[in-house]
Amino acid sequence: MSLLIGGIIGAVLGLVSLIFWWSDFMTIIRGAFPICLLLGGALAIYVGVDELQDKIREERQRHNENLEKAKEEIELAKAEAERYKEELKKLKDTKQ
């Protein structure tokens, strides 16, 4: 109950103070506005750069995965070509 009464008293005093010191309040707001914009812009730049780095990292990983798949396919093709060469050689040897 005492917390409720204290909250009501604080709200009333805050409202009265705001009415009497409106010009001082606006001075503080005018001073804080550019700082808020500056900090918000810096945060947006940081998040944007971080997101860009994540995209680059994902693209590199995808590229490396595709490269590994291509290398595996090349190795399989080489092995198959070698097997065909051996079969061809056996067929030539059996004909002679």
N, C-alpha and C. Protein backbone atom coordinates (compact mmCIF):
# COMPACT_ATOMS: atom_id res chain seq x y z
N MET A 1 0.82 -1.20 0.00
CA MET A 1 0.00 0.00 0.00
C MET A 1 0.86 1.25 0.00
N SER A 2 1.95 1.20 0.81
CA SER A 2 2.82 2.38 0.87
C SER A 2 3.53 2.59 -0.47
N LEU A 3 3.79 1.50 -1.18
CA LEU A 3 4.41 1.62 -2.51
C LEU A 3 3.47 2.33 -3.47
N LEU A 4 2.19 2.04 -3.41
CA LEU A 4 1.20 2.69 -4.26
C LEU A 4 1.12 4.19 -3.95
N ILE A 5 1.08 4.53 -2.70
CA ILE A 5 1.01 5.94 -2.30
C ILE A 5 2.29 6.66 -2.71
N GLY A 6 3.44 6.03 -2.52
CA GLY A 6 4.71 6.63 -2.95
C GLY A 6 4.76 6.83 -4.46
N GLY A 7 4.21 5.87 -5.22
CA GLY A 7 4.16 5.99 -6.68
C GLY A 7 3.28 7.13 -7.12
N ILE A 8 2.14 7.29 -6.46
CA ILE A 8 1.22 8.39 -6.80
C ILE A 8 1.88 9.73 -6.50
N ILE A 9 2.51 9.85 -5.33
CA ILE A 9 3.19 11.10 -4.96
C ILE A 9 4.31 11.41 -5.95
N GLY A 10 5.08 10.39 -6.33
CA GLY A 10 6.16 10.60 -7.30
C GLY A 10 5.66 11.04 -8.65
N ALA A 11 4.56 10.43 -9.12
CA ALA A 11 3.99 10.81 -10.41
C ALA A 11 3.47 12.24 -10.39
N VAL A 12 2.80 12.63 -9.32
CA VAL A 12 2.28 14.00 -9.22
C VAL A 12 3.43 15.00 -9.17
N LEU A 13 4.44 14.73 -8.35
CA LEU A 13 5.59 15.64 -8.28
C LEU A 13 6.32 15.72 -9.62
N GLY A 14 6.42 14.60 -10.33
CA GLY A 14 7.06 14.61 -11.64
C GLY A 14 6.28 15.44 -12.63
N LEU A 15 4.97 15.33 -12.63
CA LEU A 15 4.13 16.10 -13.54
C LEU A 15 4.22 17.59 -13.24
N VAL A 16 4.17 17.96 -11.95
CA VAL A 16 4.27 19.36 -11.56
C VAL A 16 5.65 19.91 -11.94
N SER A 17 6.70 19.13 -11.68
CA SER A 17 8.06 19.58 -12.03
C SER A 17 8.21 19.76 -13.53
N LEU A 18 7.61 18.85 -14.29
CA LEU A 18 7.69 18.94 -15.75
C LEU A 18 6.99 20.20 -16.25
N ILE A 19 5.88 20.56 -15.64
CA ILE A 19 5.16 21.77 -16.05
C ILE A 19 5.99 23.01 -15.74
N PHE A 20 6.57 23.07 -14.56
CA PHE A 20 7.32 24.27 -14.16
C PHE A 20 8.67 24.38 -14.88
N TRP A 21 9.31 23.27 -15.15
CA TRP A 21 10.64 23.31 -15.77
C TRP A 21 10.61 22.76 -17.20
N TRP A 22 9.55 23.07 -17.93
CA TRP A 22 9.40 22.59 -19.29
C TRP A 22 10.56 23.04 -20.19
N SER A 23 10.99 24.28 -20.08
CA SER A 23 12.08 24.77 -20.94
C SER A 23 13.39 24.04 -20.63
N ASP A 24 13.65 23.78 -19.35
CA ASP A 24 14.86 23.02 -19.00
C ASP A 24 14.77 21.58 -19.53
N PHE A 25 13.59 21.01 -19.42
CA PHE A 25 13.37 19.65 -19.93
C PHE A 25 13.62 19.60 -21.44
N MET A 26 13.12 20.59 -22.15
CA MET A 26 13.32 20.62 -23.61
C MET A 26 14.78 20.84 -23.97
N THR A 27 15.50 21.60 -23.15
CA THR A 27 16.93 21.79 -23.38
C THR A 27 17.66 20.46 -23.27
N ILE A 28 17.30 19.68 -22.27
CA ILE A 28 17.91 18.36 -22.11
C ILE A 28 17.56 17.46 -23.29
N ILE A 29 16.31 17.50 -23.72
CA ILE A 29 15.89 16.68 -24.87
C ILE A 29 16.63 17.10 -26.13
N ARG A 30 16.76 18.43 -26.35
CA ARG A 30 17.49 18.92 -27.54
C ARG A 30 18.95 18.52 -27.49
N GLY A 31 19.52 18.46 -26.30
CA GLY A 31 20.92 18.05 -26.19
C GLY A 31 21.11 16.55 -26.34
N ALA A 32 20.13 15.78 -25.90
CA ALA A 32 20.24 14.32 -25.95
C ALA A 32 19.89 13.77 -27.34
N PHE A 33 19.09 14.49 -28.10
CA PHE A 33 18.63 14.00 -29.40
C PHE A 33 19.79 13.70 -30.37
N PRO A 34 20.74 14.63 -30.56
CA PRO A 34 21.85 14.30 -31.47
C PRO A 34 22.71 13.15 -30.97
N ILE A 35 22.88 13.07 -29.66
CA ILE A 35 23.67 11.98 -29.12
C ILE A 35 22.97 10.64 -29.38
N CYS A 36 21.66 10.60 -29.20
CA CYS A 36 20.90 9.38 -29.48
C CYS A 36 21.00 9.01 -30.96
N LEU A 37 20.90 10.00 -31.83
CA LEU A 37 21.04 9.72 -33.26
C LEU A 37 22.43 9.19 -33.59
N LEU A 38 23.44 9.79 -33.01
CA LEU A 38 24.82 9.36 -33.24
C LEU A 38 25.03 7.92 -32.76
N LEU A 39 24.59 7.62 -31.56
CA LEU A 39 24.75 6.27 -31.03
C LEU A 39 23.92 5.25 -31.79
N GLY A 40 22.70 5.64 -32.18
CA GLY A 40 21.86 4.74 -32.97
C GLY A 40 22.46 4.47 -34.34
N GLY A 41 23.02 5.51 -34.95
CA GLY A 41 23.69 5.32 -36.25
C GLY A 41 24.91 4.43 -36.13
N ALA A 42 25.69 4.62 -35.07
CA ALA A 42 26.87 3.78 -34.87
C ALA A 42 26.47 2.32 -34.66
N LEU A 43 25.40 2.11 -33.91
CA LEU A 43 24.91 0.75 -33.70
C LEU A 43 24.44 0.13 -35.01
N ALA A 44 23.74 0.90 -35.83
CA ALA A 44 23.26 0.40 -37.12
C ALA A 44 24.43 0.05 -38.03
N ILE A 45 25.48 0.86 -38.02
CA ILE A 45 26.67 0.57 -38.83
C ILE A 45 27.32 -0.72 -38.36
N TYR A 46 27.46 -0.87 -37.05
CA TYR A 46 28.08 -2.07 -36.49
C TYR A 46 27.29 -3.32 -36.88
N VAL A 47 25.97 -3.26 -36.74
CA VAL A 47 25.13 -4.41 -37.08
C VAL A 47 25.21 -4.70 -38.57
N GLY A 48 25.23 -3.66 -39.40
CA GLY A 48 25.33 -3.85 -40.84
C GLY A 48 26.63 -4.49 -41.25
N VAL A 49 27.73 -4.04 -40.66
CA VAL A 49 29.04 -4.62 -40.98
C VAL A 49 29.09 -6.08 -40.52
N ASP A 50 28.56 -6.36 -39.35
CA ASP A 50 28.54 -7.73 -38.83
C ASP A 50 27.72 -8.64 -39.74
N GLU A 51 26.58 -8.14 -40.20
CA GLU A 51 25.74 -8.92 -41.10
C GLU A 51 26.45 -9.18 -42.43
N LEU A 52 27.15 -8.17 -42.93
CA LEU A 52 27.90 -8.32 -44.17
C LEU A 52 29.01 -9.35 -44.01
N GLN A 53 29.70 -9.34 -42.89
CA GLN A 53 30.74 -10.33 -42.63
C GLN A 53 30.16 -11.73 -42.55
N ASP A 54 28.98 -11.87 -41.95
CA ASP A 54 28.33 -13.18 -41.89
C ASP A 54 27.98 -13.69 -43.28
N LYS A 55 27.47 -12.79 -44.13
CA LYS A 55 27.14 -13.20 -45.50
C LYS A 55 28.38 -13.64 -46.26
N ILE A 56 29.47 -12.90 -46.10
CA ILE A 56 30.72 -13.26 -46.78
C ILE A 56 31.23 -14.61 -46.28
N ARG A 57 31.14 -14.82 -44.96
CA ARG A 57 31.59 -16.08 -44.37
C ARG A 57 30.74 -17.25 -44.88
N GLU A 58 29.43 -17.07 -44.95
CA GLU A 58 28.56 -18.12 -45.46
C GLU A 58 28.83 -18.40 -46.93
N GLU A 59 29.08 -17.35 -47.71
CA GLU A 59 29.37 -17.53 -49.14
C GLU A 59 30.67 -18.30 -49.32
N ARG A 60 31.69 -17.98 -48.53
CA ARG A 60 32.96 -18.71 -48.60
C ARG A 60 32.76 -20.17 -48.23
N GLN A 61 31.98 -20.42 -47.19
CA GLN A 61 31.73 -21.79 -46.77
C GLN A 61 31.00 -22.56 -47.86
N ARG A 62 29.98 -21.94 -48.45
CA ARG A 62 29.24 -22.58 -49.54
C ARG A 62 30.18 -22.85 -50.73
N HIS A 63 31.04 -21.88 -51.03
CA HIS A 63 31.98 -22.05 -52.14
C HIS A 63 32.93 -23.21 -51.85
N ASN A 64 33.44 -23.28 -50.62
CA ASN A 64 34.35 -24.37 -50.27
C ASN A 64 33.66 -25.73 -50.32
N GLU A 65 32.39 -25.78 -49.90
CA GLU A 65 31.65 -27.04 -49.98
C GLU A 65 31.47 -27.46 -51.43
N ASN A 66 31.14 -26.50 -52.30
CA ASN A 66 30.98 -26.82 -53.73
C ASN A 66 32.31 -27.27 -54.32
N LEU A 67 33.39 -26.65 -53.90
CA LEU A 67 34.72 -27.03 -54.38
C LEU A 67 35.06 -28.46 -53.95
N GLU A 68 34.75 -28.79 -52.70
CA GLU A 68 35.01 -30.15 -52.21
C GLU A 68 34.18 -31.17 -52.98
N LYS A 69 32.91 -30.86 -53.26
CA LYS A 69 32.06 -31.76 -54.03
C LYS A 69 32.63 -31.96 -55.43
N ALA A 70 33.10 -30.87 -56.03
CA ALA A 70 33.67 -30.96 -57.38
C ALA A 70 34.94 -31.82 -57.36
N LYS A 71 35.77 -31.66 -56.33
CA LYS A 71 36.99 -32.47 -56.22
C LYS A 71 36.64 -33.96 -56.08
N GLU A 72 35.61 -34.24 -55.27
CA GLU A 72 35.20 -35.64 -55.12
C GLU A 72 34.69 -36.22 -56.43
N GLU A 73 33.91 -35.42 -57.18
CA GLU A 73 33.41 -35.87 -58.47
C GLU A 73 34.56 -36.11 -59.45
N ILE A 74 35.57 -35.25 -59.41
CA ILE A 74 36.73 -35.42 -60.29
C ILE A 74 37.46 -36.71 -59.94
N GLU A 75 37.65 -36.96 -58.64
CA GLU A 75 38.33 -38.19 -58.22
C GLU A 75 37.54 -39.42 -58.66
N LEU A 76 36.21 -39.37 -58.52
CA LEU A 76 35.40 -40.49 -58.98
C LEU A 76 35.51 -40.68 -60.49
N ALA A 77 35.51 -39.58 -61.22
CA ALA A 77 35.63 -39.68 -62.68
C ALA A 77 37.01 -40.23 -63.07
N LYS A 78 38.05 -39.81 -62.36
CA LYS A 78 39.40 -40.34 -62.64
C LYS A 78 39.46 -41.84 -62.35
N ALA A 79 38.86 -42.25 -61.24
CA ALA A 79 38.87 -43.67 -60.90
C ALA A 79 38.10 -44.48 -61.94
N GLU A 80 36.98 -43.96 -62.39
CA GLU A 80 36.18 -44.65 -63.40
C GLU A 80 36.94 -44.71 -64.72
N ALA A 81 37.60 -43.62 -65.09
CA ALA A 81 38.39 -43.60 -66.32
C ALA A 81 39.53 -44.61 -66.23
N GLU A 82 40.15 -44.71 -65.09
CA GLU A 82 41.25 -45.68 -64.90
C GLU A 82 40.71 -47.11 -65.02
N ARG A 83 39.54 -47.34 -64.46
CA ARG A 83 38.93 -48.66 -64.56
C ARG A 83 38.62 -49.00 -66.02
N TYR A 84 38.11 -48.02 -66.76
CA TYR A 84 37.83 -48.25 -68.18
C TYR A 84 39.11 -48.51 -68.97
N LYS A 85 40.19 -47.82 -68.60
CA LYS A 85 41.47 -48.06 -69.28
C LYS A 85 41.95 -49.49 -69.04
N GLU A 86 41.80 -49.94 -67.80
CA GLU A 86 42.22 -51.31 -67.48
C GLU A 86 41.36 -52.33 -68.22
N GLU A 87 40.05 -52.08 -68.30
CA GLU A 87 39.17 -52.98 -69.05
C GLU A 87 39.55 -53.00 -70.52
N LEU A 88 39.84 -51.83 -71.06
CA LEU A 88 40.23 -51.72 -72.47
C LEU A 88 41.54 -52.48 -72.70
N LYS A 89 42.46 -52.35 -71.78
CA LYS A 89 43.75 -53.04 -71.90
C LYS A 89 43.55 -54.55 -71.83
N LYS A 90 42.66 -55.01 -70.94
CA LYS A 90 42.37 -56.45 -70.84
C LYS A 90 41.75 -56.95 -72.12
N LEU A 91 40.81 -56.15 -72.69
CA LEU A 91 40.18 -56.55 -73.93
C LEU A 91 41.18 -56.63 -75.08
N LYS A 92 42.13 -55.71 -75.11
CA LYS A 92 43.15 -55.72 -76.15
C LYS A 92 44.05 -56.93 -75.99
N ASP A 93 44.39 -57.24 -74.72
CA ASP A 93 45.25 -58.39 -74.45
C ASP A 93 44.55 -59.71 -74.80
N THR A 94 43.25 -59.79 -74.56
CA THR A 94 42.53 -61.03 -74.87
C THR A 94 42.36 -61.21 -76.37
N LYS A 95 42.30 -60.14 -77.13
CA LYS A 95 42.16 -60.24 -78.59
C LYS A 95 43.46 -60.70 -79.24
N GLN A 96 44.55 -60.40 -78.65
CA GLN A 96 45.83 -60.74 -79.26
C GLN A 96 46.18 -62.14 -79.00
